[in-house]
Amino acid sequence: MGHLKDVGMTYFQHMRHAIYVSILLLTAAACCLIHSVVPFVFKKTASTIITHLSDNVISRQIQRK
C-alpha cells in the first residue's frame, strides 16, 4: 500500500476521492458526447470539469510537500 502512503490518504479516503474523480470524468465525457450531437449545449462544461480536476490534483500535490 505504498501508493496510499505516498498520497497521504487512508484506504477509504483514497477510494472516496477516486470515485469522485471517476464521476466527474464520466460527467465530462457525457457532456462531450452530447455536445458533439448538439453543439450549442455544454459548450464549456467538460473543460471546466477538467480544469477543476487539474487544480484539485495540483493543490493536493502542493499540500503534500
N, C-alpha and C. Protein backbone atom coordinates (compact mmCIF):
# COMPACT_ATOMS: atom_id res chain seq x y z
N MET A 1 0.82 -1.20 0.00
CA MET A 1 0.00 0.00 0.00
C MET A 1 0.87 1.27 0.00
N GLY A 2 1.98 1.20 -0.70
CA GLY A 2 2.89 2.35 -0.79
C GLY A 2 2.24 3.57 -1.41
N HIS A 3 1.35 3.35 -2.37
CA HIS A 3 0.69 4.49 -3.04
C HIS A 3 -0.12 5.31 -2.04
N LEU A 4 -0.83 4.63 -1.15
CA LEU A 4 -1.63 5.35 -0.17
C LEU A 4 -0.76 6.21 0.73
N LYS A 5 0.39 5.68 1.11
CA LYS A 5 1.33 6.44 1.92
C LYS A 5 1.87 7.62 1.13
N ASP A 6 2.16 7.39 -0.14
CA ASP A 6 2.69 8.46 -1.00
C ASP A 6 1.71 9.62 -1.13
N VAL A 7 0.43 9.31 -1.25
CA VAL A 7 -0.58 10.37 -1.41
C VAL A 7 -1.14 10.86 -0.09
N GLY A 8 -0.74 10.24 1.02
CA GLY A 8 -1.15 10.69 2.35
C GLY A 8 -2.63 10.50 2.63
N MET A 9 -3.17 9.37 2.18
CA MET A 9 -4.59 9.09 2.40
C MET A 9 -4.76 7.71 3.00
N THR A 10 -5.89 7.54 3.69
CA THR A 10 -6.26 6.21 4.12
C THR A 10 -6.91 5.50 2.93
N TYR A 11 -7.16 4.23 3.08
CA TYR A 11 -7.79 3.45 2.01
C TYR A 11 -9.13 4.06 1.61
N PHE A 12 -9.96 4.39 2.61
CA PHE A 12 -11.30 4.89 2.30
C PHE A 12 -11.27 6.34 1.80
N GLN A 13 -10.35 7.15 2.26
CA GLN A 13 -10.20 8.50 1.70
C GLN A 13 -9.82 8.41 0.22
N HIS A 14 -8.88 7.53 -0.07
CA HIS A 14 -8.45 7.35 -1.45
C HIS A 14 -9.59 6.83 -2.31
N MET A 15 -10.34 5.87 -1.81
CA MET A 15 -11.47 5.32 -2.55
C MET A 15 -12.51 6.40 -2.83
N ARG A 16 -12.84 7.19 -1.82
CA ARG A 16 -13.82 8.26 -1.99
C ARG A 16 -13.34 9.28 -3.02
N HIS A 17 -12.07 9.65 -2.97
CA HIS A 17 -11.53 10.61 -3.93
C HIS A 17 -11.52 10.03 -5.34
N ALA A 18 -11.14 8.77 -5.49
CA ALA A 18 -11.10 8.13 -6.80
C ALA A 18 -12.51 8.02 -7.40
N ILE A 19 -13.49 7.73 -6.57
CA ILE A 19 -14.88 7.67 -7.04
C ILE A 19 -15.34 9.06 -7.48
N TYR A 20 -14.99 10.07 -6.71
CA TYR A 20 -15.32 11.47 -7.04
C TYR A 20 -14.73 11.86 -8.40
N VAL A 21 -13.46 11.55 -8.60
CA VAL A 21 -12.80 11.86 -9.87
C VAL A 21 -13.46 11.08 -11.01
N SER A 22 -13.77 9.81 -10.78
CA SER A 22 -14.41 8.99 -11.80
C SER A 22 -15.76 9.56 -12.22
N ILE A 23 -16.55 9.98 -11.24
CA ILE A 23 -17.87 10.55 -11.55
C ILE A 23 -17.72 11.83 -12.36
N LEU A 24 -16.77 12.67 -11.97
CA LEU A 24 -16.57 13.90 -12.73
C LEU A 24 -16.09 13.62 -14.15
N LEU A 25 -15.21 12.66 -14.31
CA LEU A 25 -14.73 12.32 -15.66
C LEU A 25 -15.85 11.72 -16.51
N LEU A 26 -16.68 10.88 -15.92
CA LEU A 26 -17.83 10.34 -16.65
C LEU A 26 -18.80 11.45 -17.05
N THR A 27 -19.00 12.40 -16.15
CA THR A 27 -19.86 13.54 -16.46
C THR A 27 -19.29 14.36 -17.61
N ALA A 28 -17.98 14.62 -17.57
CA ALA A 28 -17.33 15.37 -18.64
C ALA A 28 -17.44 14.63 -19.97
N ALA A 29 -17.26 13.31 -19.93
CA ALA A 29 -17.36 12.51 -21.15
C ALA A 29 -18.79 12.56 -21.71
N ALA A 30 -19.78 12.46 -20.85
CA ALA A 30 -21.17 12.52 -21.29
C ALA A 30 -21.48 13.89 -21.90
N CYS A 31 -20.98 14.94 -21.28
CA CYS A 31 -21.19 16.29 -21.82
C CYS A 31 -20.54 16.44 -23.19
N CYS A 32 -19.35 15.89 -23.36
CA CYS A 32 -18.68 15.93 -24.67
C CYS A 32 -19.49 15.18 -25.72
N LEU A 33 -19.99 14.03 -25.35
CA LEU A 33 -20.78 13.23 -26.28
C LEU A 33 -22.05 13.98 -26.70
N ILE A 34 -22.74 14.55 -25.73
CA ILE A 34 -23.95 15.31 -26.04
C ILE A 34 -23.60 16.54 -26.87
N HIS A 35 -22.52 17.22 -26.51
CA HIS A 35 -22.08 18.40 -27.25
C HIS A 35 -21.75 18.07 -28.71
N SER A 36 -21.23 16.88 -28.95
CA SER A 36 -20.89 16.50 -30.32
C SER A 36 -22.14 16.42 -31.21
N VAL A 37 -23.27 16.07 -30.61
CA VAL A 37 -24.52 15.94 -31.36
C VAL A 37 -25.30 17.27 -31.36
N VAL A 38 -25.26 17.95 -30.23
CA VAL A 38 -25.99 19.22 -30.07
C VAL A 38 -24.96 20.29 -29.66
N PRO A 39 -24.28 20.89 -30.62
CA PRO A 39 -23.13 21.76 -30.32
C PRO A 39 -23.42 23.00 -29.48
N PHE A 40 -24.67 23.40 -29.35
CA PHE A 40 -24.96 24.61 -28.59
C PHE A 40 -25.22 24.34 -27.10
N VAL A 41 -25.10 23.10 -26.66
CA VAL A 41 -25.21 22.79 -25.23
C VAL A 41 -23.86 22.29 -24.70
N PHE A 42 -23.64 22.48 -23.44
CA PHE A 42 -22.41 22.03 -22.76
C PHE A 42 -21.16 22.53 -23.47
N LYS A 43 -21.16 23.81 -23.86
CA LYS A 43 -20.03 24.37 -24.61
C LYS A 43 -18.73 24.39 -23.81
N LYS A 44 -18.82 24.62 -22.52
CA LYS A 44 -17.61 24.73 -21.70
C LYS A 44 -17.60 23.76 -20.52
N THR A 45 -18.62 22.95 -20.40
CA THR A 45 -18.77 22.10 -19.21
C THR A 45 -17.61 21.14 -19.04
N ALA A 46 -17.25 20.40 -20.07
CA ALA A 46 -16.18 19.41 -19.95
C ALA A 46 -14.85 20.08 -19.61
N SER A 47 -14.54 21.19 -20.27
CA SER A 47 -13.27 21.87 -19.99
C SER A 47 -13.26 22.45 -18.57
N THR A 48 -14.41 22.90 -18.10
CA THR A 48 -14.49 23.40 -16.72
C THR A 48 -14.25 22.28 -15.72
N ILE A 49 -14.82 21.11 -15.97
CA ILE A 49 -14.63 19.96 -15.09
C ILE A 49 -13.16 19.54 -15.10
N ILE A 50 -12.56 19.48 -16.27
CA ILE A 50 -11.16 19.06 -16.38
C ILE A 50 -10.25 20.06 -15.68
N THR A 51 -10.52 21.36 -15.83
CA THR A 51 -9.74 22.38 -15.13
C THR A 51 -9.87 22.22 -13.62
N HIS A 52 -11.09 21.98 -13.16
CA HIS A 52 -11.33 21.75 -11.72
C HIS A 52 -10.51 20.56 -11.22
N LEU A 53 -10.54 19.46 -11.97
CA LEU A 53 -9.79 18.26 -11.56
C LEU A 53 -8.29 18.54 -11.56
N SER A 54 -7.81 19.23 -12.56
CA SER A 54 -6.39 19.56 -12.63
C SER A 54 -5.98 20.42 -11.44
N ASP A 55 -6.76 21.45 -11.14
CA ASP A 55 -6.47 22.31 -9.98
C ASP A 55 -6.50 21.51 -8.69
N ASN A 56 -7.44 20.58 -8.58
CA ASN A 56 -7.56 19.74 -7.40
C ASN A 56 -6.31 18.88 -7.21
N VAL A 57 -5.85 18.26 -8.29
CA VAL A 57 -4.66 17.40 -8.21
C VAL A 57 -3.43 18.23 -7.86
N ILE A 58 -3.28 19.38 -8.50
CA ILE A 58 -2.12 20.24 -8.23
C ILE A 58 -2.13 20.71 -6.78
N SER A 59 -3.29 21.14 -6.26
CA SER A 59 -3.35 21.60 -4.87
C SER A 59 -3.03 20.47 -3.90
N ARG A 60 -3.45 19.24 -4.21
CA ARG A 60 -3.12 18.11 -3.35
C ARG A 60 -1.61 17.84 -3.35
N GLN A 61 -0.99 17.99 -4.51
CA GLN A 61 0.46 17.79 -4.61
C GLN A 61 1.21 18.83 -3.79
N ILE A 62 0.75 20.06 -3.84
CA ILE A 62 1.39 21.15 -3.09
C ILE A 62 1.23 20.91 -1.59
N GLN A 63 0.05 20.45 -1.17
CA GLN A 63 -0.20 20.20 0.26
C GLN A 63 0.72 19.12 0.81
N ARG A 64 1.08 18.15 -0.03
CA ARG A 64 1.91 17.04 0.45
C ARG A 64 3.37 17.42 0.62
N LYS A 65 3.78 18.52 0.01
CA LYS A 65 5.21 18.92 0.09
C LYS A 65 5.52 19.64 1.36
